[in-house]
Amino acid sequence: MWELMGKLDAARIPVSDGVDHGFLRSIYTFDPNGIPLELTCEQPQHDIAADPRTADLEPTPATLEGLGPVPGYWPEPDEVSADERILVPGEGHKEFQDG
């Protein structure tokens, strides 16, 4: 996390202080379009899959399902055909083009 924070700071990209959530640590920034991003790293002393916790006094049914995949919950995805694979230029695309 600290290395990534240093890289963002060196690139003059605003980044928050580190935040300790107990089971993971986070830093916060924004993408070039102003969309907030949370970047996290797990804490090895806490296995969230083995010991999930929530401070929510009334967790939603989805929260109570747990962390693992729920068979049959999502339909199988349709394949995106070649003519449907459209990319439009976004903010910063010229700066990050290869070559």
PDB file of N, CA and C in Angstrom:
ATOM      1  N   MET A   1       0.823  -1.182   0.000  1.00  0.00           N
ATOM      2  CA  MET A   1       0.000   0.000   0.000  1.00  0.00           C
ATOM      3  C   MET A   1       0.872   1.253   0.000  1.00  0.00           C
ATOM      4  N   TRP A   2       1.937   1.223   0.807  1.00  0.00           N
ATOM      5  CA  TRP A   2       2.793   2.406   0.911  1.00  0.00           C
ATOM      6  C   TRP A   2       3.503   2.667  -0.414  1.00  0.00           C
ATOM      7  N   GLU A   3       3.918   1.611  -1.099  1.00  0.00           N
ATOM      8  CA  GLU A   3       4.582   1.776  -2.388  1.00  0.00           C
ATOM      9  C   GLU A   3       3.629   2.410  -3.403  1.00  0.00           C
ATOM     10  N   LEU A   4       2.397   1.932  -3.445  1.00  0.00           N
ATOM     11  CA  LEU A   4       1.404   2.501  -4.360  1.00  0.00           C
ATOM     12  C   LEU A   4       1.106   3.954  -3.992  1.00  0.00           C
ATOM     13  N   MET A   5       1.001   4.235  -2.700  1.00  0.00           N
ATOM     14  CA  MET A   5       0.773   5.608  -2.263  1.00  0.00           C
ATOM     15  C   MET A   5       1.910   6.508  -2.737  1.00  0.00           C
ATOM     16  N   GLY A   6       3.155   6.023  -2.624  1.00  0.00           N
ATOM     17  CA  GLY A   6       4.307   6.791  -3.079  1.00  0.00           C
ATOM     18  C   GLY A   6       4.282   7.037  -4.578  1.00  0.00           C
ATOM     19  N   LYS A   7       3.868   6.036  -5.351  1.00  0.00           N
ATOM     20  CA  LYS A   7       3.785   6.193  -6.805  1.00  0.00           C
ATOM     21  C   LYS A   7       2.726   7.220  -7.180  1.00  0.00           C
ATOM     22  N   LEU A   8       1.579   7.159  -6.535  1.00  0.00           N
ATOM     23  CA  LEU A   8       0.523   8.134  -6.822  1.00  0.00           C
ATOM     24  C   LEU A   8       0.985   9.539  -6.458  1.00  0.00           C
ATOM     25  N   ASP A   9       1.611   9.667  -5.316  1.00  0.00           N
ATOM     26  CA  ASP A   9       2.091  10.968  -4.868  1.00  0.00           C
ATOM     27  C   ASP A   9       3.155  11.515  -5.825  1.00  0.00           C
ATOM     28  N   ALA A  10       4.082  10.662  -6.273  1.00  0.00           N
ATOM     29  CA  ALA A  10       5.128  11.086  -7.204  1.00  0.00           C
ATOM     30  C   ALA A  10       4.536  11.541  -8.531  1.00  0.00           C
ATOM     31  N   ALA A  11       3.414  10.930  -8.923  1.00  0.00           N
ATOM     32  CA  ALA A  11       2.737  11.313 -10.171  1.00  0.00           C
ATOM     33  C   ALA A  11       1.812  12.507  -9.956  1.00  0.00           C
ATOM     34  N   ARG A  12       1.825  13.066  -8.767  1.00  0.00           N
ATOM     35  CA  ARG A  12       0.989  14.218  -8.409  1.00  0.00           C
ATOM     36  C   ARG A  12      -0.501  13.898  -8.519  1.00  0.00           C
ATOM     37  N   ILE A  13      -0.826  12.656  -8.190  1.00  0.00           N
ATOM     38  CA  ILE A  13      -2.220  12.223  -8.139  1.00  0.00           C
ATOM     39  C   ILE A  13      -2.644  12.278  -6.676  1.00  0.00           C
ATOM     40  N   PRO A  14      -3.678  13.048  -6.341  1.00  0.00           N
ATOM     41  CA  PRO A  14      -4.097  13.146  -4.947  1.00  0.00           C
ATOM     42  C   PRO A  14      -4.441  11.767  -4.368  1.00  0.00           C
ATOM     43  N   VAL A  15      -3.967  11.510  -3.167  1.00  0.00           N
ATOM     44  CA  VAL A  15      -4.233  10.233  -2.499  1.00  0.00           C
ATOM     45  C   VAL A  15      -4.405  10.503  -1.006  1.00  0.00           C
ATOM     46  N   SER A  16      -5.318   9.772  -0.399  1.00  0.00           N
ATOM     47  CA  SER A  16      -5.599   9.949   1.031  1.00  0.00           C
ATOM     48  C   SER A  16      -4.479   9.362   1.883  1.00  0.00           C
ATOM     49  N   ASP A  17      -4.564   9.616   3.171  1.00  0.00           N
ATOM     50  CA  ASP A  17      -3.748   8.880   4.120  1.00  0.00           C
ATOM     51  C   ASP A  17      -4.220   7.433   4.116  1.00  0.00           C
ATOM     52  N   GLY A  18      -3.412   6.546   4.664  1.00  0.00           N
ATOM     53  CA  GLY A  18      -3.835   5.164   4.804  1.00  0.00           C
ATOM     54  C   GLY A  18      -4.929   5.048   5.859  1.00  0.00           C
ATOM     55  N   VAL A  19      -5.884   4.162   5.615  1.00  0.00           N
ATOM     56  CA  VAL A  19      -6.984   3.940   6.551  1.00  0.00           C
ATOM     57  C   VAL A  19      -6.957   2.471   6.974  1.00  0.00           C
ATOM     58  N   ASP A  20      -6.891   2.228   8.285  1.00  0.00           N
ATOM     59  CA  ASP A  20      -6.863   0.881   8.828  1.00  0.00           C
ATOM     60  C   ASP A  20      -8.283   0.462   9.181  1.00  0.00           C
ATOM     61  N   HIS A  21      -8.828  -0.490   8.424  1.00  0.00           N
ATOM     62  CA  HIS A  21     -10.179  -0.990   8.680  1.00  0.00           C
ATOM     63  C   HIS A  21     -10.158  -2.246   9.546  1.00  0.00           C
ATOM     64  N   GLY A  22      -8.990  -2.638  10.025  1.00  0.00           N
ATOM     65  CA  GLY A  22      -8.871  -3.830  10.842  1.00  0.00           C
ATOM     66  C   GLY A  22      -8.573  -5.056  10.007  1.00  0.00           C
ATOM     67  N   PHE A  23      -9.469  -5.407   9.108  1.00  0.00           N
ATOM     68  CA  PHE A  23      -9.272  -6.596   8.281  1.00  0.00           C
ATOM     69  C   PHE A  23      -8.583  -6.273   6.960  1.00  0.00           C
ATOM     70  N   LEU A  24      -8.528  -4.997   6.602  1.00  0.00           N
ATOM     71  CA  LEU A  24      -7.790  -4.542   5.430  1.00  0.00           C
ATOM     72  C   LEU A  24      -7.415  -3.088   5.620  1.00  0.00           C
ATOM     73  N   ARG A  25      -6.504  -2.629   4.787  1.00  0.00           N
ATOM     74  CA  ARG A  25      -6.101  -1.226   4.804  1.00  0.00           C
ATOM     75  C   ARG A  25      -6.401  -0.632   3.441  1.00  0.00           C
ATOM     76  N   SER A  26      -6.737   0.649   3.414  1.00  0.00           N
ATOM     77  CA  SER A  26      -7.157   1.307   2.181  1.00  0.00           C
ATOM     78  C   SER A  26      -6.478   2.647   2.001  1.00  0.00           C
ATOM     79  N   ILE A  27      -6.357   3.037   0.725  1.00  0.00           N
ATOM     80  CA  ILE A  27      -6.081   4.416   0.362  1.00  0.00           C
ATOM     81  C   ILE A  27      -7.137   4.801  -0.663  1.00  0.00           C
ATOM     82  N   TYR A  28      -7.415   6.086  -0.755  1.00  0.00           N
ATOM     83  CA  TYR A  28      -8.483   6.571  -1.624  1.00  0.00           C
ATOM     84  C   TYR A  28      -7.937   7.622  -2.580  1.00  0.00           C
ATOM     85  N   THR A  29      -8.422   7.585  -3.813  1.00  0.00           N
ATOM     86  CA  THR A  29      -8.036   8.545  -4.839  1.00  0.00           C
ATOM     87  C   THR A  29      -9.177   8.655  -5.841  1.00  0.00           C
ATOM     88  N   PHE A  30      -8.916   9.270  -6.971  1.00  0.00           N
ATOM     89  CA  PHE A  30      -9.918   9.419  -8.020  1.00  0.00           C
ATOM     90  C   PHE A  30      -9.302   9.030  -9.358  1.00  0.00           C
ATOM     91  N   ASP A  31     -10.111   8.448 -10.238  1.00  0.00           N
ATOM     92  CA  ASP A  31      -9.621   8.176 -11.593  1.00  0.00           C
ATOM     93  C   ASP A  31      -9.669   9.470 -12.402  1.00  0.00           C
ATOM     94  N   PRO A  32      -9.141   9.465 -13.652  1.00  0.00           N
ATOM     95  CA  PRO A  32      -9.115  10.708 -14.434  1.00  0.00           C
ATOM     96  C   PRO A  32     -10.491  11.314 -14.705  1.00  0.00           C
ATOM     97  N   ASN A  33     -11.551  10.530 -14.572  1.00  0.00           N
ATOM     98  CA  ASN A  33     -12.902  11.044 -14.777  1.00  0.00           C
ATOM     99  C   ASN A  33     -13.545  11.516 -13.479  1.00  0.00           C
ATOM    100  N   GLY A  34     -12.789  11.532 -12.391  1.00  0.00           N
ATOM    101  CA  GLY A  34     -13.315  11.988 -11.110  1.00  0.00           C
ATOM    102  C   GLY A  34     -14.080  10.931 -10.334  1.00  0.00           C
ATOM    103  N   ILE A  35     -13.997   9.686 -10.775  1.00  0.00           N
ATOM    104  CA  ILE A  35     -14.695   8.602 -10.077  1.00  0.00           C
ATOM    105  C   ILE A  35     -13.845   8.170  -8.880  1.00  0.00           C
ATOM    106  N   PRO A  36     -14.427   8.144  -7.671  1.00  0.00           N
ATOM    107  CA  PRO A  36     -13.656   7.762  -6.489  1.00  0.00           C
ATOM    108  C   PRO A  36     -13.207   6.300  -6.559  1.00  0.00           C
ATOM    109  N   LEU A  37     -11.982   6.040  -6.128  1.00  0.00           N
ATOM    110  CA  LEU A  37     -11.423   4.688  -6.097  1.00  0.00           C
ATOM    111  C   LEU A  37     -10.923   4.376  -4.697  1.00  0.00           C
ATOM    112  N   GLU A  38     -11.202   3.162  -4.250  1.00  0.00           N
ATOM    113  CA  GLU A  38     -10.618   2.655  -3.011  1.00  0.00           C
ATOM    114  C   GLU A  38      -9.661   1.544  -3.396  1.00  0.00           C
ATOM    115  N   LEU A  39      -8.415   1.660  -2.980  1.00  0.00           N
ATOM    116  CA  LEU A  39      -7.401   0.647  -3.240  1.00  0.00           C
ATOM    117  C   LEU A  39      -7.088  -0.009  -1.904  1.00  0.00           C
ATOM    118  N   THR A  40      -7.201  -1.331  -1.847  1.00  0.00           N
ATOM    119  CA  THR A  40      -7.071  -2.022  -0.564  1.00  0.00           C
ATOM    120  C   THR A  40      -5.998  -3.095  -0.603  1.00  0.00           C
ATOM    121  N   CYS A  41      -5.508  -3.441   0.571  1.00  0.00           N
ATOM    122  CA  CYS A  41      -4.656  -4.613   0.730  1.00  0.00           C
ATOM    123  C   CYS A  41      -5.137  -5.345   1.983  1.00  0.00           C
ATOM    124  N   GLU A  42      -5.151  -6.653   1.869  1.00  0.00           N
ATOM    125  CA  GLU A  42      -5.606  -7.481   2.983  1.00  0.00           C
ATOM    126  C   GLU A  42      -4.571  -7.478   4.100  1.00  0.00           C
ATOM    127  N   GLN A  43      -5.021  -7.757   5.291  1.00  0.00           N
ATOM    128  CA  GLN A  43      -4.140  -7.899   6.435  1.00  0.00           C
ATOM    129  C   GLN A  43      -3.938  -9.382   6.705  1.00  0.00           C
ATOM    130  N   PRO A  44      -2.693  -9.867   6.635  1.00  0.00           N
ATOM    131  CA  PRO A  44      -2.462 -11.313   6.753  1.00  0.00           C
ATOM    132  C   PRO A  44      -2.908 -11.904   8.084  1.00  0.00           C
ATOM    133  N   GLN A  45      -2.992 -11.086   9.130  1.00  0.00           N
ATOM    134  CA  GLN A  45      -3.399 -11.625  10.432  1.00  0.00           C
ATOM    135  C   GLN A  45      -4.907 -11.862  10.516  1.00  0.00           C
ATOM    136  N   HIS A  46      -5.673 -11.426   9.500  1.00  0.00           N
ATOM    137  CA  HIS A  46      -7.125 -11.630   9.532  1.00  0.00           C
ATOM    138  C   HIS A  46      -7.584 -12.278   8.232  1.00  0.00           C
ATOM    139  N   ASP A  47      -8.070 -13.495   8.330  1.00  0.00           N
ATOM    140  CA  ASP A  47      -8.605 -14.218   7.173  1.00  0.00           C
ATOM    141  C   ASP A  47     -10.103 -13.937   7.112  1.00  0.00           C
ATOM    142  N   ILE A  48     -10.475 -12.975   6.265  1.00  0.00           N
ATOM    143  CA  ILE A  48     -11.878 -12.545   6.209  1.00  0.00           C
ATOM    144  C   ILE A  48     -12.816 -13.661   5.749  1.00  0.00           C
ATOM    145  N   ALA A  49     -12.321 -14.559   4.911  1.00  0.00           N
ATOM    146  CA  ALA A  49     -13.168 -15.665   4.455  1.00  0.00           C
ATOM    147  C   ALA A  49     -13.460 -16.641   5.595  1.00  0.00           C
ATOM    148  N   ALA A  50     -12.480 -16.842   6.457  1.00  0.00           N
ATOM    149  CA  ALA A  50     -12.661 -17.765   7.585  1.00  0.00           C
ATOM    150  C   ALA A  50     -13.381 -17.100   8.749  1.00  0.00           C
ATOM    151  N   ASP A  51     -13.280 -15.785   8.859  1.00  0.00           N
ATOM    152  CA  ASP A  51     -13.857 -15.068   9.989  1.00  0.00           C
ATOM    153  C   ASP A  51     -14.526 -13.773   9.517  1.00  0.00           C
ATOM    154  N   PRO A  52     -15.605 -13.900   8.734  1.00  0.00           N
ATOM    155  CA  PRO A  52     -16.271 -12.678   8.266  1.00  0.00           C
ATOM    156  C   PRO A  52     -17.001 -12.001   9.419  1.00  0.00           C
ATOM    157  N   ARG A  53     -16.951 -10.686   9.424  1.00  0.00           N
ATOM    158  CA  ARG A  53     -17.645  -9.925  10.469  1.00  0.00           C
ATOM    159  C   ARG A  53     -18.332  -8.732   9.831  1.00  0.00           C
ATOM    160  N   THR A  54     -19.391  -8.284  10.453  1.00  0.00           N
ATOM    161  CA  THR A  54     -20.034  -7.053  10.021  1.00  0.00           C
ATOM    162  C   THR A  54     -20.475  -6.293  11.266  1.00  0.00           C
ATOM    163  N   ALA A  55     -20.342  -4.991  11.209  1.00  0.00           N
ATOM    164  CA  ALA A  55     -20.789  -4.154  12.320  1.00  0.00           C
ATOM    165  C   ALA A  55     -22.227  -3.706  12.100  1.00  0.00           C
ATOM    166  N   ASP A  56     -22.801  -4.102  10.987  1.00  0.00           N
ATOM    167  CA  ASP A  56     -24.170  -3.720  10.645  1.00  0.00           C
ATOM    168  C   ASP A  56     -25.139  -4.457  11.571  1.00  0.00           C
ATOM    169  N   LEU A  57     -25.952  -3.716  12.296  1.00  0.00           N
ATOM    170  CA  LEU A  57     -26.901  -4.341  13.228  1.00  0.00           C
ATOM    171  C   LEU A  57     -28.048  -5.036  12.500  1.00  0.00           C
ATOM    172  N   GLU A  58     -28.317  -4.630  11.257  1.00  0.00           N
ATOM    173  CA  GLU A  58     -29.354  -5.255  10.454  1.00  0.00           C
ATOM    174  C   GLU A  58     -28.807  -5.550   9.060  1.00  0.00           C
ATOM    175  N   PRO A  59     -27.919  -6.565   8.951  1.00  0.00           N
ATOM    176  CA  PRO A  59     -27.327  -6.856   7.648  1.00  0.00           C
ATOM    177  C   PRO A  59     -28.383  -7.298   6.636  1.00  0.00           C
ATOM    178  N   THR A  60     -28.137  -6.961   5.377  1.00  0.00           N
ATOM    179  CA  THR A  60     -29.064  -7.337   4.311  1.00  0.00           C
ATOM    180  C   THR A  60     -28.981  -8.842   4.060  1.00  0.00           C
ATOM    181  N   PRO A  61     -29.994  -9.420   3.416  1.00  0.00           N
ATOM    182  CA  PRO A  61     -29.925 -10.836   3.079  1.00  0.00           C
ATOM    183  C   PRO A  61     -28.677 -11.184   2.258  1.00  0.00           C
ATOM    184  N   ALA A  62     -28.274 -10.295   1.355  1.00  0.00           N
ATOM    185  CA  ALA A  62     -27.076 -10.557   0.545  1.00  0.00           C
ATOM    186  C   ALA A  62     -25.836 -10.647   1.431  1.00  0.00           C
ATOM    187  N   THR A  63     -25.743  -9.796   2.453  1.00  0.00           N
ATOM    188  CA  THR A  63     -24.609  -9.848   3.370  1.00  0.00           C
ATOM    189  C   THR A  63     -24.593 -11.174   4.114  1.00  0.00           C
ATOM    190  N   LEU A  64     -25.752 -11.635   4.513  1.00  0.00           N
ATOM    191  CA  LEU A  64     -25.838 -12.881   5.275  1.00  0.00           C
ATOM    192  C   LEU A  64     -25.521 -14.115   4.442  1.00  0.00           C
ATOM    193  N   GLU A  65     -25.537 -13.974   3.098  1.00  0.00           N
ATOM    194  CA  GLU A  65     -25.182 -15.103   2.237  1.00  0.00           C
ATOM    195  C   GLU A  65     -23.704 -15.452   2.350  1.00  0.00           C
ATOM    196  N   GLY A  66     -22.876 -14.507   2.778  1.00  0.00           N
ATOM    197  CA  GLY A  66     -21.455 -14.768   2.924  1.00  0.00           C
ATOM    198  C   GLY A  66     -20.657 -14.323   1.722  1.00  0.00           C
ATOM    199  N   LEU A  67     -19.367 -14.675   1.745  1.00  0.00           N
ATOM    200  CA  LEU A  67     -18.434 -14.187   0.737  1.00  0.00           C
ATOM    201  C   LEU A  67     -18.353 -15.054  -0.506  1.00  0.00           C
ATOM    202  N   GLY A  68     -18.682 -16.309  -0.403  1.00  0.00           N
ATOM    203  CA  GLY A  68     -18.507 -17.225  -1.526  1.00  0.00           C
ATOM    204  C   GLY A  68     -19.538 -17.008  -2.616  1.00  0.00           C
ATOM    205  N   PRO A  69     -19.229 -17.526  -3.807  1.00  0.00           N
ATOM    206  CA  PRO A  69     -20.205 -17.414  -4.894  1.00  0.00           C
ATOM    207  C   PRO A  69     -21.485 -18.172  -4.562  1.00  0.00           C
ATOM    208  N   VAL A  70     -22.589 -17.656  -5.026  1.00  0.00           N
ATOM    209  CA  VAL A  70     -23.885 -18.288  -4.801  1.00  0.00           C
ATOM    210  C   VAL A  70     -24.319 -18.931  -6.117  1.00  0.00           C
ATOM    211  N   PRO A  71     -24.281 -20.264  -6.207  1.00  0.00           N
ATOM    212  CA  PRO A  71     -24.631 -20.928  -7.460  1.00  0.00           C
ATOM    213  C   PRO A  71     -26.038 -20.543  -7.921  1.00  0.00           C
ATOM    214  N   GLY A  72     -26.153 -20.280  -9.215  1.00  0.00           N
ATOM    215  CA  GLY A  72     -27.447 -19.972  -9.796  1.00  0.00           C
ATOM    216  C   GLY A  72     -27.911 -18.547  -9.583  1.00  0.00           C
ATOM    217  N   TYR A  73     -27.134 -17.719  -8.894  1.00  0.00           N
ATOM    218  CA  TYR A  73     -27.562 -16.353  -8.610  1.00  0.00           C
ATOM    219  C   TYR A  73     -27.471 -15.487  -9.860  1.00  0.00           C
ATOM    220  N   TRP A  74     -26.350 -15.566 -10.563  1.00  0.00           N
ATOM    221  CA  TRP A  74     -26.163 -14.801 -11.792  1.00  0.00           C
ATOM    222  C   TRP A  74     -26.389 -15.712 -12.982  1.00  0.00           C
ATOM    223  N   PRO A  75     -27.062 -15.220 -14.006  1.00  0.00           N
ATOM    224  CA  PRO A  75     -27.205 -16.032 -15.221  1.00  0.00           C
ATOM    225  C   PRO A  75     -25.853 -16.138 -15.928  1.00  0.00           C
ATOM    226  N   GLU A  76     -25.696 -17.178 -16.728  1.00  0.00           N
ATOM    227  CA  GLU A  76     -24.479 -17.306 -17.521  1.00  0.00           C
ATOM    228  C   GLU A  76     -24.405 -16.117 -18.477  1.00  0.00           C
ATOM    229  N   PRO A  77     -23.234 -15.508 -18.628  1.00  0.00           N
ATOM    230  CA  PRO A  77     -23.130 -14.338 -19.504  1.00  0.00           C
ATOM    231  C   PRO A  77     -23.239 -14.717 -20.972  1.00  0.00           C
ATOM    232  N   ASP A  78     -23.811 -13.804 -21.747  1.00  0.00           N
ATOM    233  CA  ASP A  78     -23.827 -13.953 -23.193  1.00  0.00           C
ATOM    234  C   ASP A  78     -22.466 -13.530 -23.719  1.00  0.00           C
ATOM    235  N   GLU A  79     -22.037 -14.153 -24.803  1.00  0.00           N
ATOM    236  CA  GLU A  79     -20.776 -13.736 -25.413  1.00  0.00           C
ATOM    237  C   GLU A  79     -21.001 -12.413 -26.130  1.00  0.00           C
ATOM    238  N   VAL A  80     -20.057 -11.496 -25.990  1.00  0.00           N
ATOM    239  CA  VAL A  80     -20.127 -10.214 -26.684  1.00  0.00           C
ATOM    240  C   VAL A  80     -19.514 -10.430 -28.065  1.00  0.00           C
ATOM    241  N   SER A  81     -20.332 -10.288 -29.107  1.00  0.00           N
ATOM    242  CA  SER A  81     -19.855 -10.537 -30.469  1.00  0.00           C
ATOM    243  C   SER A  81     -18.844  -9.473 -30.888  1.00  0.00           C
ATOM    244  N   ALA A  82     -18.064  -9.789 -31.921  1.00  0.00           N
ATOM    245  CA  ALA A  82     -17.025  -8.878 -32.391  1.00  0.00           C
ATOM    246  C   ALA A  82     -17.597  -7.517 -32.769  1.00  0.00           C
ATOM    247  N   ASP A  83     -18.780  -7.477 -33.399  1.00  0.00           N
ATOM    248  CA  ASP A  83     -19.346  -6.185 -33.805  1.00  0.00           C
ATOM    249  C   ASP A  83     -19.919  -5.401 -32.630  1.00  0.00           C
ATOM    250  N   GLU A  84     -20.085  -6.041 -31.461  1.00  0.00           N
ATOM    251  CA  GLU A  84     -20.566  -5.346 -30.261  1.00  0.00           C
ATOM    252  C   GLU A  84     -19.417  -4.842 -29.383  1.00  0.00           C
ATOM    253  N   ARG A  85     -18.187  -5.221 -29.712  1.00  0.00           N
ATOM    254  CA  ARG A  85     -17.015  -4.846 -28.908  1.00  0.00           C
ATOM    255  C   ARG A  85     -16.527  -3.461 -29.335  1.00  0.00           C
ATOM    256  N   ILE A  86     -17.157  -2.462 -28.791  1.00  0.00           N
ATOM    257  CA  ILE A  86     -16.896  -1.079 -29.163  1.00  0.00           C
ATOM    258  C   ILE A  86     -16.165  -0.384 -28.016  1.00  0.00           C
ATOM    259  N   LEU A  87     -15.096   0.301 -28.343  1.00  0.00           N
ATOM    260  CA  LEU A  87     -14.372   1.119 -27.372  1.00  0.00           C
ATOM    261  C   LEU A  87     -14.432   2.561 -27.835  1.00  0.00           C
ATOM    262  N   VAL A  88     -14.799   3.440 -26.939  1.00  0.00           N
ATOM    263  CA  VAL A  88     -14.810   4.864 -27.246  1.00  0.00           C
ATOM    264  C   VAL A  88     -13.691   5.523 -26.454  1.00  0.00           C
ATOM    265  N   PRO A  89     -13.076   6.576 -27.009  1.00  0.00           N
ATOM    266  CA  PRO A  89     -11.981   7.213 -26.278  1.00  0.00           C
ATOM    267  C   PRO A  89     -12.483   7.896 -25.011  1.00  0.00           C
ATOM    268  N   GLY A  90     -11.766   7.693 -23.933  1.00  0.00           N
ATOM    269  CA  GLY A  90     -12.082   8.330 -22.661  1.00  0.00           C
ATOM    270  C   GLY A  90     -10.999   9.324 -22.299  1.00  0.00           C
ATOM    271  N   GLU A  91     -11.226  10.050 -21.243  1.00  0.00           N
ATOM    272  CA  GLU A  91     -10.268  11.043 -20.770  1.00  0.00           C
ATOM    273  C   GLU A  91      -8.914  10.383 -20.537  1.00  0.00           C
ATOM    274  N   GLY A  92      -7.880  10.936 -21.110  1.00  0.00           N
ATOM    275  CA  GLY A  92      -6.527  10.438 -20.904  1.00  0.00           C
ATOM    276  C   GLY A  92      -6.084   9.358 -21.871  1.00  0.00           C
ATOM    277  N   HIS A  93      -6.947   8.935 -22.809  1.00  0.00           N
ATOM    278  CA  HIS A  93      -6.554   7.810 -23.668  1.00  0.00           C
ATOM    279  C   HIS A  93      -5.329   8.123 -24.507  1.00  0.00           C
ATOM    280  N   LYS A  94      -5.145   9.365 -24.912  1.00  0.00           N
ATOM    281  CA  LYS A  94      -3.972   9.720 -25.726  1.00  0.00           C
ATOM    282  C   LYS A  94      -2.692   9.613 -24.914  1.00  0.00           C
ATOM    283  N   GLU A  95      -2.747   9.944 -23.635  1.00  0.00           N
ATOM    284  CA  GLU A  95      -1.563   9.912 -22.778  1.00  0.00           C
ATOM    285  C   GLU A  95      -1.080   8.499 -22.489  1.00  0.00           C
ATOM    286  N   PHE A  96      -1.973   7.526 -22.600  1.00  0.00           N
ATOM    287  CA  PHE A  96      -1.607   6.160 -22.212  1.00  0.00           C
ATOM    288  C   PHE A  96      -1.543   5.192 -23.378  1.00  0.00           C
ATOM    289  N   GLN A  97      -1.571   5.687 -24.608  1.00  0.00           N
ATOM    290  CA  GLN A  97      -1.459   4.815 -25.767  1.00  0.00           C
ATOM    291  C   GLN A  97      -0.039   4.265 -25.848  1.00  0.00           C
ATOM    292  N   ASP A  98       0.059   3.012 -26.247  1.00  0.00           N
ATOM    293  CA  ASP A  98       1.379   2.397 -26.430  1.00  0.00           C
ATOM    294  C   ASP A  98       2.013   2.937 -27.701  1.00  0.00           C
ATOM    295  N   GLY A  99       3.324   3.189 -27.624  1.00  0.00           N
ATOM    296  CA  GLY A  99       4.108   3.584 -28.793  1.00  0.00           C
ATOM    297  C   GLY A  99       3.634   4.852 -29.341  1.00  0.00           C
TER     298      GLY A  99
END
